[in-house]
Each structure stands twice: as C-alpha cells, then as structure tokens.
Amino acid sequence: MIDEFQFTDEEITLLVNASLITVRDIGSWWLAIPGAGIFMKTFIKGRQALLRAIRKAKYQEVLQQNLEERKIAAVAKLGMSYHIMDIIGAEFVTKIQTTSGWLLRLKE
C-alpha cells in the first residue's frame, strides 16, 4: 500500500487504529469493516428463523402479510421486511400474486 497508493506510515497507523485495516503480513493489510461480524450473525439468524417459520407452515407457503404480522425474536433487529426481501432476492422463496395478497412459497 505504501508504494502503490502512496500512503505514509502515519496514515497506515491511523487506519489500523481506526480498525479499518488489519495487519496481514509485513507490508500487507486486510480491509476490515467494524461490526461486520455482529451484522452477519444477526443477518444469518434472522434468515434462518424466517425460513424455519415458512418450512413449518402448511404446504411450506405463507402469505407475506401474515408473515409480516408475526413476532419472531431473531428477526427483530433488522426487521421483518428486510429479511423477507432478502429471502426473495436470494431466491429461497417464490413470490406469487394471489387474490389474498402475495404468497411466499419455499423453493424445493
């Protein structure tokens, strides 16, 4: 980083002290994101709890509105809407329009 990006030793020390980079080897560093581990742990637990709730439902499908009304403790930190959009985007469920609203069906 010193040669390629023209960082000084003082600037690198500031980045290390701010926990934005961590020392990998002498002269090389890893990019660090403070709090990323806590976020990922919360994210994965919420996703698993939501998928578990859908698996337990009859025919492994549930109306999105009914799912949003449920109180699931693991989902509380990031919010139910966040996790619903996540499982739709990650294609764990299929979103189907019905006369009662959007239906989320677990993919096999």
PDB file of N, CA and C in Angstrom:
ATOM      1  N   MET A   1       0.816  -1.194   0.000  1.00  0.00           N
ATOM      2  CA  MET A   1       0.000   0.000   0.000  1.00  0.00           C
ATOM      3  C   MET A   1       0.854   1.249   0.000  1.00  0.00           C
ATOM      4  N   ILE A   2       1.992   1.152   0.609  1.00  0.00           N
ATOM      5  CA  ILE A   2       2.869   2.314   0.693  1.00  0.00           C
ATOM      6  C   ILE A   2       3.330   2.723  -0.702  1.00  0.00           C
ATOM      7  N   ASP A   3       3.760   1.752  -1.505  1.00  0.00           N
ATOM      8  CA  ASP A   3       4.264   2.063  -2.840  1.00  0.00           C
ATOM      9  C   ASP A   3       3.146   2.315  -3.836  1.00  0.00           C
ATOM     10  N   GLU A   4       2.133   1.467  -3.799  1.00  0.00           N
ATOM     11  CA  GLU A   4       1.075   1.532  -4.803  1.00  0.00           C
ATOM     12  C   GLU A   4       0.182   2.756  -4.648  1.00  0.00           C
ATOM     13  N   PHE A   5      -0.245   3.057  -3.403  1.00  0.00           N
ATOM     14  CA  PHE A   5      -1.186   4.145  -3.167  1.00  0.00           C
ATOM     15  C   PHE A   5      -0.554   5.364  -2.500  1.00  0.00           C
ATOM     16  N   GLN A   6       0.743   5.330  -2.270  1.00  0.00           N
ATOM     17  CA  GLN A   6       1.477   6.446  -1.688  1.00  0.00           C
ATOM     18  C   GLN A   6       0.995   6.815  -0.279  1.00  0.00           C
ATOM     19  N   PHE A   7       0.631   5.792   0.532  1.00  0.00           N
ATOM     20  CA  PHE A   7       0.280   6.016   1.928  1.00  0.00           C
ATOM     21  C   PHE A   7       1.551   6.168   2.742  1.00  0.00           C
ATOM     22  N   THR A   8       1.492   7.050   3.736  1.00  0.00           N
ATOM     23  CA  THR A   8       2.619   7.193   4.655  1.00  0.00           C
ATOM     24  C   THR A   8       2.406   6.245   5.831  1.00  0.00           C
ATOM     25  N   ASP A   9       3.461   6.037   6.613  1.00  0.00           N
ATOM     26  CA  ASP A   9       3.358   5.180   7.796  1.00  0.00           C
ATOM     27  C   ASP A   9       2.345   5.727   8.789  1.00  0.00           C
ATOM     28  N   GLU A  10       2.276   7.044   8.922  1.00  0.00           N
ATOM     29  CA  GLU A  10       1.329   7.660   9.849  1.00  0.00           C
ATOM     30  C   GLU A  10      -0.118   7.399   9.408  1.00  0.00           C
ATOM     31  N   GLU A  11      -0.375   7.473   8.109  1.00  0.00           N
ATOM     32  CA  GLU A  11      -1.727   7.230   7.599  1.00  0.00           C
ATOM     33  C   GLU A  11      -2.134   5.772   7.797  1.00  0.00           C
ATOM     34  N   ILE A  12      -1.210   4.864   7.579  1.00  0.00           N
ATOM     35  CA  ILE A  12      -1.497   3.445   7.788  1.00  0.00           C
ATOM     36  C   ILE A  12      -1.750   3.175   9.269  1.00  0.00           C
ATOM     37  N   THR A  13      -0.979   3.799  10.141  1.00  0.00           N
ATOM     38  CA  THR A  13      -1.184   3.652  11.583  1.00  0.00           C
ATOM     39  C   THR A  13      -2.564   4.165  11.983  1.00  0.00           C
ATOM     40  N   LEU A  14      -3.000   5.284  11.413  1.00  0.00           N
ATOM     41  CA  LEU A  14      -4.336   5.806  11.692  1.00  0.00           C
ATOM     42  C   LEU A  14      -5.424   4.833  11.248  1.00  0.00           C
ATOM     43  N   LEU A  15      -5.253   4.229  10.069  1.00  0.00           N
ATOM     44  CA  LEU A  15      -6.231   3.259   9.571  1.00  0.00           C
ATOM     45  C   LEU A  15      -6.281   2.005  10.446  1.00  0.00           C
ATOM     46  N   VAL A  16      -5.129   1.556  10.914  1.00  0.00           N
ATOM     47  CA  VAL A  16      -5.082   0.393  11.805  1.00  0.00           C
ATOM     48  C   VAL A  16      -5.732   0.732  13.135  1.00  0.00           C
ATOM     49  N   ASN A  17      -5.442   1.891  13.691  1.00  0.00           N
ATOM     50  CA  ASN A  17      -6.026   2.304  14.971  1.00  0.00           C
ATOM     51  C   ASN A  17      -7.531   2.502  14.876  1.00  0.00           C
ATOM     52  N   ALA A  18      -8.021   2.908  13.702  1.00  0.00           N
ATOM     53  CA  ALA A  18      -9.458   3.089  13.492  1.00  0.00           C
ATOM     54  C   ALA A  18     -10.146   1.765  13.152  1.00  0.00           C
ATOM     55  N   SER A  19      -9.391   0.679  13.091  1.00  0.00           N
ATOM     56  CA  SER A  19      -9.888  -0.673  12.775  1.00  0.00           C
ATOM     57  C   SER A  19     -10.444  -0.779  11.365  1.00  0.00           C
ATOM     58  N   LEU A  20      -9.926   0.028  10.458  1.00  0.00           N
ATOM     59  CA  LEU A  20     -10.353  -0.057   9.063  1.00  0.00           C
ATOM     60  C   LEU A  20      -9.492  -1.014   8.252  1.00  0.00           C
ATOM     61  N   ILE A  21      -8.274  -1.246   8.707  1.00  0.00           N
ATOM     62  CA  ILE A  21      -7.418  -2.272   8.112  1.00  0.00           C
ATOM     63  C   ILE A  21      -6.757  -3.044   9.249  1.00  0.00           C
ATOM     64  N   THR A  22      -6.409  -4.301   8.981  1.00  0.00           N
ATOM     65  CA  THR A  22      -5.674  -5.106   9.951  1.00  0.00           C
ATOM     66  C   THR A  22      -4.421  -5.630   9.276  1.00  0.00           C
ATOM     67  N   VAL A  23      -3.408  -5.838  10.061  1.00  0.00           N
ATOM     68  CA  VAL A  23      -2.129  -6.283   9.522  1.00  0.00           C
ATOM     69  C   VAL A  23      -2.253  -7.748   9.105  1.00  0.00           C
ATOM     70  N   ARG A  24      -1.862  -8.032   7.871  1.00  0.00           N
ATOM     71  CA  ARG A  24      -1.865  -9.398   7.344  1.00  0.00           C
ATOM     72  C   ARG A  24      -0.471  -9.981   7.466  1.00  0.00           C
ATOM     73  N   ASP A  25       0.488  -9.345   6.842  1.00  0.00           N
ATOM     74  CA  ASP A  25       1.906  -9.673   6.897  1.00  0.00           C
ATOM     75  C   ASP A  25       2.656  -8.352   6.963  1.00  0.00           C
ATOM     76  N   ILE A  26       3.934  -8.442   7.004  1.00  0.00           N
ATOM     77  CA  ILE A  26       4.730  -7.216   6.959  1.00  0.00           C
ATOM     78  C   ILE A  26       4.548  -6.603   5.571  1.00  0.00           C
ATOM     79  N   GLY A  27       4.031  -5.395   5.540  1.00  0.00           N
ATOM     80  CA  GLY A  27       3.840  -4.693   4.273  1.00  0.00           C
ATOM     81  C   GLY A  27       2.531  -4.994   3.572  1.00  0.00           C
ATOM     82  N   SER A  28       1.655  -5.816   4.166  1.00  0.00           N
ATOM     83  CA  SER A  28       0.344  -6.060   3.559  1.00  0.00           C
ATOM     84  C   SER A  28      -0.732  -6.058   4.640  1.00  0.00           C
ATOM     85  N   TRP A  29      -1.949  -5.660   4.242  1.00  0.00           N
ATOM     86  CA  TRP A  29      -3.035  -5.490   5.192  1.00  0.00           C
ATOM     87  C   TRP A  29      -4.327  -6.048   4.624  1.00  0.00           C
ATOM     88  N   TRP A  30      -5.270  -6.338   5.525  1.00  0.00           N
ATOM     89  CA  TRP A  30      -6.622  -6.740   5.164  1.00  0.00           C
ATOM     90  C   TRP A  30      -7.545  -5.554   5.392  1.00  0.00           C
ATOM     91  N   LEU A  31      -8.517  -5.389   4.524  1.00  0.00           N
ATOM     92  CA  LEU A  31      -9.559  -4.394   4.731  1.00  0.00           C
ATOM     93  C   LEU A  31     -10.492  -4.916   5.813  1.00  0.00           C
ATOM     94  N   ALA A  32     -10.815  -4.090   6.785  1.00  0.00           N
ATOM     95  CA  ALA A  32     -11.671  -4.510   7.894  1.00  0.00           C
ATOM     96  C   ALA A  32     -12.901  -3.612   7.953  1.00  0.00           C
ATOM     97  N   ILE A  33     -14.025  -4.210   8.286  1.00  0.00           N
ATOM     98  CA  ILE A  33     -15.264  -3.448   8.440  1.00  0.00           C
ATOM     99  C   ILE A  33     -15.744  -3.654   9.876  1.00  0.00           C
ATOM    100  N   PRO A  34     -15.609  -2.640  10.727  1.00  0.00           N
ATOM    101  CA  PRO A  34     -16.008  -2.789  12.130  1.00  0.00           C
ATOM    102  C   PRO A  34     -17.489  -3.126  12.261  1.00  0.00           C
ATOM    103  N   GLY A  35     -17.799  -4.117  13.062  1.00  0.00           N
ATOM    104  CA  GLY A  35     -19.182  -4.507  13.303  1.00  0.00           C
ATOM    105  C   GLY A  35     -19.761  -5.459  12.272  1.00  0.00           C
ATOM    106  N   ALA A  36     -18.983  -5.829  11.260  1.00  0.00           N
ATOM    107  CA  ALA A  36     -19.498  -6.715  10.209  1.00  0.00           C
ATOM    108  C   ALA A  36     -19.833  -8.098  10.759  1.00  0.00           C
ATOM    109  N   GLY A  37     -19.063  -8.569  11.717  1.00  0.00           N
ATOM    110  CA  GLY A  37     -19.321  -9.886  12.300  1.00  0.00           C
ATOM    111  C   GLY A  37     -20.650  -9.928  13.036  1.00  0.00           C
ATOM    112  N   ILE A  38     -20.944  -8.884  13.786  1.00  0.00           N
ATOM    113  CA  ILE A  38     -22.207  -8.807  14.517  1.00  0.00           C
ATOM    114  C   ILE A  38     -23.368  -8.730  13.535  1.00  0.00           C
ATOM    115  N   PHE A  39     -23.205  -7.930  12.477  1.00  0.00           N
ATOM    116  CA  PHE A  39     -24.251  -7.817  11.456  1.00  0.00           C
ATOM    117  C   PHE A  39     -24.512  -9.167  10.800  1.00  0.00           C
ATOM    118  N   MET A  40     -23.447  -9.867  10.398  1.00  0.00           N
ATOM    119  CA  MET A  40     -23.613 -11.148   9.707  1.00  0.00           C
ATOM    120  C   MET A  40     -24.276 -12.184  10.609  1.00  0.00           C
ATOM    121  N   LYS A  41     -23.919 -12.188  11.875  1.00  0.00           N
ATOM    122  CA  LYS A  41     -24.525 -13.130  12.822  1.00  0.00           C
ATOM    123  C   LYS A  41     -26.029 -12.860  12.939  1.00  0.00           C
ATOM    124  N   THR A  42     -26.406 -11.594  13.083  1.00  0.00           N
ATOM    125  CA  THR A  42     -27.815 -11.202  13.172  1.00  0.00           C
ATOM    126  C   THR A  42     -28.546 -11.522  11.876  1.00  0.00           C
ATOM    127  N   PHE A  43     -27.906 -11.239  10.755  1.00  0.00           N
ATOM    128  CA  PHE A  43     -28.480 -11.465   9.427  1.00  0.00           C
ATOM    129  C   PHE A  43     -28.772 -12.952   9.214  1.00  0.00           C
ATOM    130  N   ILE A  44     -27.817 -13.807   9.512  1.00  0.00           N
ATOM    131  CA  ILE A  44     -27.975 -15.250   9.288  1.00  0.00           C
ATOM    132  C   ILE A  44     -29.037 -15.838  10.226  1.00  0.00           C
ATOM    133  N   LYS A  45     -29.025 -15.420  11.489  1.00  0.00           N
ATOM    134  CA  LYS A  45     -30.032 -15.916  12.431  1.00  0.00           C
ATOM    135  C   LYS A  45     -31.440 -15.514  12.006  1.00  0.00           C
ATOM    136  N   GLY A  46     -31.602 -14.287  11.542  1.00  0.00           N
ATOM    137  CA  GLY A  46     -32.907 -13.814  11.084  1.00  0.00           C
ATOM    138  C   GLY A  46     -33.381 -14.574   9.857  1.00  0.00           C
ATOM    139  N   ARG A  47     -32.473 -14.795   8.909  1.00  0.00           N
ATOM    140  CA  ARG A  47     -32.820 -15.537   7.691  1.00  0.00           C
ATOM    141  C   ARG A  47     -33.238 -16.958   8.046  1.00  0.00           C
ATOM    142  N   GLN A  48     -32.482 -17.620   8.914  1.00  0.00           N
ATOM    143  CA  GLN A  48     -32.799 -18.996   9.303  1.00  0.00           C
ATOM    144  C   GLN A  48     -34.139 -19.078  10.035  1.00  0.00           C
ATOM    145  N   ALA A  49     -34.413 -18.118  10.907  1.00  0.00           N
ATOM    146  CA  ALA A  49     -35.671 -18.115  11.652  1.00  0.00           C
ATOM    147  C   ALA A  49     -36.859 -17.936  10.713  1.00  0.00           C
ATOM    148  N   LEU A  50     -36.717 -17.067   9.731  1.00  0.00           N
ATOM    149  CA  LEU A  50     -37.789 -16.823   8.777  1.00  0.00           C
ATOM    150  C   LEU A  50     -38.029 -18.047   7.892  1.00  0.00           C
ATOM    151  N   LEU A  51     -36.974 -18.658   7.406  1.00  0.00           N
ATOM    152  CA  LEU A  51     -37.111 -19.862   6.584  1.00  0.00           C
ATOM    153  C   LEU A  51     -37.701 -21.019   7.397  1.00  0.00           C
ATOM    154  N   ARG A  52     -37.329 -21.103   8.664  1.00  0.00           N
ATOM    155  CA  ARG A  52     -37.878 -22.139   9.542  1.00  0.00           C
ATOM    156  C   ARG A  52     -39.385 -21.947   9.710  1.00  0.00           C
ATOM    157  N   ALA A  53     -39.825 -20.697   9.860  1.00  0.00           N
ATOM    158  CA  ALA A  53     -41.253 -20.409  10.010  1.00  0.00           C
ATOM    159  C   ALA A  53     -42.020 -20.799   8.747  1.00  0.00           C
ATOM    160  N   ILE A  54     -41.438 -20.570   7.586  1.00  0.00           N
ATOM    161  CA  ILE A  54     -42.098 -20.938   6.331  1.00  0.00           C
ATOM    162  C   ILE A  54     -42.127 -22.457   6.177  1.00  0.00           C
ATOM    163  N   ARG A  55     -41.042 -23.138   6.561  1.00  0.00           N
ATOM    164  CA  ARG A  55     -40.997 -24.605   6.479  1.00  0.00           C
ATOM    165  C   ARG A  55     -42.072 -25.254   7.354  1.00  0.00           C
ATOM    166  N   LYS A  56     -42.361 -24.654   8.495  1.00  0.00           N
ATOM    167  CA  LYS A  56     -43.345 -25.207   9.413  1.00  0.00           C
ATOM    168  C   LYS A  56     -44.780 -24.949   8.965  1.00  0.00           C
ATOM    169  N   ALA A  57     -44.980 -23.993   8.063  1.00  0.00           N
ATOM    170  CA  ALA A  57     -46.324 -23.666   7.586  1.00  0.00           C
ATOM    171  C   ALA A  57     -46.854 -24.789   6.692  1.00  0.00           C
ATOM    172  N   LYS A  58     -48.164 -24.864   6.605  1.00  0.00           N
ATOM    173  CA  LYS A  58     -48.795 -25.884   5.773  1.00  0.00           C
ATOM    174  C   LYS A  58     -48.399 -25.661   4.316  1.00  0.00           C
ATOM    175  N   TYR A  59     -48.004 -26.705   3.650  1.00  0.00           N
ATOM    176  CA  TYR A  59     -47.544 -26.707   2.259  1.00  0.00           C
ATOM    177  C   TYR A  59     -46.289 -25.859   2.048  1.00  0.00           C
ATOM    178  N   GLN A  60     -45.631 -25.480   3.104  1.00  0.00           N
ATOM    179  CA  GLN A  60     -44.417 -24.661   3.063  1.00  0.00           C
ATOM    180  C   GLN A  60     -44.637 -23.363   2.281  1.00  0.00           C
ATOM    181  N   GLU A  61     -45.779 -22.737   2.540  1.00  0.00           N
ATOM    182  CA  GLU A  61     -46.097 -21.450   1.931  1.00  0.00           C
ATOM    183  C   GLU A  61     -46.901 -20.611   2.917  1.00  0.00           C
ATOM    184  N   VAL A  62     -46.759 -19.302   2.801  1.00  0.00           N
ATOM    185  CA  VAL A  62     -47.431 -18.388   3.721  1.00  0.00           C
ATOM    186  C   VAL A  62     -47.652 -17.057   3.000  1.00  0.00           C
ATOM    187  N   LEU A  63     -48.743 -16.387   3.349  1.00  0.00           N
ATOM    188  CA  LEU A  63     -48.981 -15.064   2.789  1.00  0.00           C
ATOM    189  C   LEU A  63     -47.972 -14.085   3.376  1.00  0.00           C
ATOM    190  N   GLN A  64     -47.462 -13.212   2.542  1.00  0.00           N
ATOM    191  CA  GLN A  64     -46.454 -12.255   3.000  1.00  0.00           C
ATOM    192  C   GLN A  64     -47.018 -11.388   4.121  1.00  0.00           C
ATOM    193  N   GLN A  65     -48.251 -10.975   3.995  1.00  0.00           N
ATOM    194  CA  GLN A  65     -48.875 -10.130   5.018  1.00  0.00           C
ATOM    195  C   GLN A  65     -48.937 -10.849   6.371  1.00  0.00           C
ATOM    196  N   ASN A  66     -49.292 -12.137   6.358  1.00  0.00           N
ATOM    197  CA  ASN A  66     -49.334 -12.911   7.601  1.00  0.00           C
ATOM    198  C   ASN A  66     -47.942 -13.060   8.211  1.00  0.00           C
ATOM    199  N   LEU A  67     -46.958 -13.225   7.357  1.00  0.00           N
ATOM    200  CA  LEU A  67     -45.580 -13.367   7.831  1.00  0.00           C
ATOM    201  C   LEU A  67     -45.086 -12.065   8.459  1.00  0.00           C
ATOM    202  N   GLU A  68     -45.456 -10.932   7.859  1.00  0.00           N
ATOM    203  CA  GLU A  68     -45.039  -9.628   8.396  1.00  0.00           C
ATOM    204  C   GLU A  68     -45.659  -9.342   9.759  1.00  0.00           C
ATOM    205  N   GLU A  69     -46.820  -9.933  10.025  1.00  0.00           N
ATOM    206  CA  GLU A  69     -47.503  -9.704  11.304  1.00  0.00           C
ATOM    207  C   GLU A  69     -46.931 -10.552  12.433  1.00  0.00           C
ATOM    208  N   ARG A  70     -46.201 -11.603  12.106  1.00  0.00           N
ATOM    209  CA  ARG A  70     -45.632 -12.487  13.134  1.00  0.00           C
ATOM    210  C   ARG A  70     -44.518 -11.792  13.903  1.00  0.00           C
ATOM    211  N   LYS A  71     -44.381 -12.191  15.147  1.00  0.00           N
ATOM    212  CA  LYS A  71     -43.309 -11.680  16.002  1.00  0.00           C
ATOM    213  C   LYS A  71     -42.253 -12.779  16.135  1.00  0.00           C
ATOM    214  N   ILE A  72     -41.153 -12.626  15.443  1.00  0.00           N
ATOM    215  CA  ILE A  72     -40.055 -13.584  15.518  1.00  0.00           C
ATOM    216  C   ILE A  72     -38.865 -12.844  16.114  1.00  0.00           C
ATOM    217  N   ALA A  73     -38.399 -13.302  17.259  1.00  0.00           N
ATOM    218  CA  ALA A  73     -37.362 -12.587  18.015  1.00  0.00           C
ATOM    219  C   ALA A  73     -36.074 -12.390  17.220  1.00  0.00           C
ATOM    220  N   ALA A  74     -35.645 -13.405  16.473  1.00  0.00           N
ATOM    221  CA  ALA A  74     -34.375 -13.316  15.742  1.00  0.00           C
ATOM    222  C   ALA A  74     -34.434 -12.301  14.606  1.00  0.00           C
ATOM    223  N   VAL A  75     -35.640 -11.948  14.185  1.00  0.00           N
ATOM    224  CA  VAL A  75     -35.812 -11.036  13.064  1.00  0.00           C
ATOM    225  C   VAL A  75     -35.906  -9.585  13.534  1.00  0.00           C
ATOM    226  N   ALA A  76     -36.110  -9.380  14.822  1.00  0.00           N
ATOM    227  CA  ALA A  76     -36.412  -8.057  15.371  1.00  0.00           C
ATOM    228  C   ALA A  76     -35.349  -7.002  15.074  1.00  0.00           C
ATOM    229  N   LYS A  77     -34.079  -7.356  15.112  1.00  0.00           N
ATOM    230  CA  LYS A  77     -33.024  -6.348  14.980  1.00  0.00           C
ATOM    231  C   LYS A  77     -32.977  -5.706  13.595  1.00  0.00           C
ATOM    232  N   LEU A  78     -33.100  -6.489  12.547  1.00  0.00           N
ATOM    233  CA  LEU A  78     -33.036  -5.949  11.189  1.00  0.00           C
ATOM    234  C   LEU A  78     -34.410  -5.690  10.601  1.00  0.00           C
ATOM    235  N   GLY A  79     -35.429  -6.241  11.179  1.00  0.00           N
ATOM    236  CA  GLY A  79     -36.790  -6.017  10.712  1.00  0.00           C
ATOM    237  C   GLY A  79     -37.275  -7.122   9.786  1.00  0.00           C
ATOM    238  N   MET A  80     -38.571  -7.379   9.885  1.00  0.00           N
ATOM    239  CA  MET A  80     -39.181  -8.444   9.092  1.00  0.00           C
ATOM    240  C   MET A  80     -39.112  -8.132   7.598  1.00  0.00           C
ATOM    241  N   SER A  81     -39.385  -6.902   7.211  1.00  0.00           N
ATOM    242  CA  SER A  81     -39.367  -6.540   5.788  1.00  0.00           C
ATOM    243  C   SER A  81     -37.995  -6.772   5.173  1.00  0.00           C
ATOM    244  N   TYR A  82     -36.952  -6.449   5.906  1.00  0.00           N
ATOM    245  CA  TYR A  82     -35.581  -6.654   5.424  1.00  0.00           C
ATOM    246  C   TYR A  82     -35.337  -8.122   5.112  1.00  0.00           C
ATOM    247  N   HIS A  83     -35.714  -8.990   6.038  1.00  0.00           N
ATOM    248  CA  HIS A  83     -35.473 -10.425   5.855  1.00  0.00           C
ATOM    249  C   HIS A  83     -36.369 -11.021   4.769  1.00  0.00           C
ATOM    250  N   ILE A  84     -37.598 -10.528   4.649  1.00  0.00           N
ATOM    251  CA  ILE A  84     -38.470 -11.012   3.580  1.00  0.00           C
ATOM    252  C   ILE A  84     -37.877 -10.661   2.223  1.00  0.00           C
ATOM    253  N   MET A  85     -37.422  -9.434   2.062  1.00  0.00           N
ATOM    254  CA  MET A  85     -36.801  -9.035   0.795  1.00  0.00           C
ATOM    255  C   MET A  85     -35.518  -9.828   0.538  1.00  0.00           C
ATOM    256  N   ASP A  86     -34.808 -10.158   1.606  1.00  0.00           N
ATOM    257  CA  ASP A  86     -33.593 -10.957   1.469  1.00  0.00           C
ATOM    258  C   ASP A  86     -33.893 -12.350   0.928  1.00  0.00           C
ATOM    259  N   ILE A  87     -34.874 -13.046   1.514  1.00  0.00           N
ATOM    260  CA  ILE A  87     -35.146 -14.413   1.055  1.00  0.00           C
ATOM    261  C   ILE A  87     -35.767 -14.431  -0.339  1.00  0.00           C
ATOM    262  N   ILE A  88     -36.464 -13.357  -0.706  1.00  0.00           N
ATOM    263  CA  ILE A  88     -36.986 -13.262  -2.075  1.00  0.00           C
ATOM    264  C   ILE A  88     -35.832 -13.029  -3.043  1.00  0.00           C
ATOM    265  N   GLY A  89     -34.948 -12.104  -2.699  1.00  0.00           N
ATOM    266  CA  GLY A  89     -33.803 -11.797  -3.548  1.00  0.00           C
ATOM    267  C   GLY A  89     -32.821 -12.940  -3.677  1.00  0.00           C
ATOM    268  N   ALA A  90     -32.648 -13.694  -2.600  1.00  0.00           N
ATOM    269  CA  ALA A  90     -31.738 -14.844  -2.624  1.00  0.00           C
ATOM    270  C   ALA A  90     -32.400 -16.067  -3.262  1.00  0.00           C
ATOM    271  N   GLU A  91     -33.656 -15.917  -3.657  1.00  0.00           N
ATOM    272  CA  GLU A  91     -34.437 -16.956  -4.332  1.00  0.00           C
ATOM    273  C   GLU A  91     -34.615 -18.215  -3.480  1.00  0.00           C
ATOM    274  N   PHE A  92     -34.796 -18.027  -2.182  1.00  0.00           N
ATOM    275  CA  PHE A  92     -35.161 -19.133  -1.306  1.00  0.00           C
ATOM    276  C   PHE A  92     -36.657 -19.406  -1.416  1.00  0.00           C
ATOM    277  N   VAL A  93     -37.421 -18.373  -1.772  1.00  0.00           N
ATOM    278  CA  VAL A  93     -38.871 -18.499  -1.918  1.00  0.00           C
ATOM    279  C   VAL A  93     -39.295 -17.940  -3.276  1.00  0.00           C
ATOM    280  N   THR A  94     -40.468 -18.375  -3.703  1.00  0.00           N
ATOM    281  CA  THR A  94     -41.092 -17.836  -4.905  1.00  0.00           C
ATOM    282  C   THR A  94     -42.213 -16.926  -4.452  1.00  0.00           C
ATOM    283  N   LYS A  95     -42.317 -15.750  -5.053  1.00  0.00           N
ATOM    284  CA  LYS A  95     -43.357 -14.796  -4.699  1.00  0.00           C
ATOM    285  C   LYS A  95     -44.445 -14.876  -5.762  1.00  0.00           C
ATOM    286  N   ILE A  96     -45.666 -15.219  -5.322  1.00  0.00           N
ATOM    287  CA  ILE A  96     -46.782 -15.447  -6.236  1.00  0.00           C
ATOM    288  C   ILE A  96     -47.933 -14.522  -5.851  1.00  0.00           C
ATOM    289  N   GLN A  97     -48.493 -13.823  -6.844  1.00  0.00           N
ATOM    290  CA  GLN A  97     -49.642 -12.946  -6.600  1.00  0.00           C
ATOM    291  C   GLN A  97     -50.903 -13.795  -6.520  1.00  0.00           C
ATOM    292  N   THR A  98     -51.665 -13.625  -5.435  1.00  0.00           N
ATOM    293  CA  THR A  98     -52.953 -14.311  -5.271  1.00  0.00           C
ATOM    294  C   THR A  98     -54.014 -13.259  -4.993  1.00  0.00           C
ATOM    295  N   THR A  99     -55.274 -13.681  -4.939  1.00  0.00           N
ATOM    296  CA  THR A  99     -56.344 -12.731  -4.631  1.00  0.00           C
ATOM    297  C   THR A  99     -56.263 -12.248  -3.179  1.00  0.00           C
ATOM    298  N   SER A 100     -55.603 -13.013  -2.329  1.00  0.00           N
ATOM    299  CA  SER A 100     -55.451 -12.642  -0.914  1.00  0.00           C
ATOM    300  C   SER A 100     -54.200 -11.813  -0.658  1.00  0.00           C
ATOM    301  N   GLY A 101     -53.333 -11.671  -1.634  1.00  0.00           N
ATOM    302  CA  GLY A 101     -52.074 -10.940  -1.487  1.00  0.00           C
ATOM    303  C   GLY A 101     -50.919 -11.785  -1.988  1.00  0.00           C
ATOM    304  N   TRP A 102     -49.704 -11.352  -1.701  1.00  0.00           N
ATOM    305  CA  TRP A 102     -48.524 -12.079  -2.153  1.00  0.00           C
ATOM    306  C   TRP A 102     -48.307 -13.321  -1.305  1.00  0.00           C
ATOM    307  N   LEU A 103     -48.080 -14.438  -1.984  1.00  0.00           N
ATOM    308  CA  LEU A 103     -47.815 -15.710  -1.337  1.00  0.00           C
ATOM    309  C   LEU A 103     -46.334 -16.024  -1.485  1.00  0.00           C
ATOM    310  N   LEU A 104     -45.704 -16.413  -0.392  1.00  0.00           N
ATOM    311  CA  LEU A 104     -44.292 -16.816  -0.429  1.00  0.00           C
ATOM    312  C   LEU A 104     -44.250 -18.331  -0.298  1.00  0.00           C
ATOM    313  N   ARG A 105     -43.724 -19.001  -1.312  1.00  0.00           N
ATOM    314  CA  ARG A 105     -43.643 -20.460  -1.330  1.00  0.00           C
ATOM    315  C   ARG A 105     -42.177 -20.851  -1.333  1.00  0.00           C
ATOM    316  N   LEU A 106     -41.829 -21.726  -0.411  1.00  0.00           N
ATOM    317  CA  LEU A 106     -40.452 -22.198  -0.292  1.00  0.00           C
ATOM    318  C   LEU A 106     -40.073 -23.005  -1.529  1.00  0.00           C
ATOM    319  N   LYS A 107     -38.922 -22.692  -2.106  1.00  0.00           N
ATOM    320  CA  LYS A 107     -38.440 -23.462  -3.254  1.00  0.00           C
ATOM    321  C   LYS A 107     -37.894 -24.782  -2.770  1.00  0.00           C
ATOM    322  N   GLU A 108     -38.016 -25.798  -3.602  1.00  0.00           N
ATOM    323  CA  GLU A 108     -37.552 -27.142  -3.222  1.00  0.00           C
ATOM    324  C   GLU A 108     -36.103 -27.342  -3.538  1.00  0.00           C
TER     325      GLU A 108
END
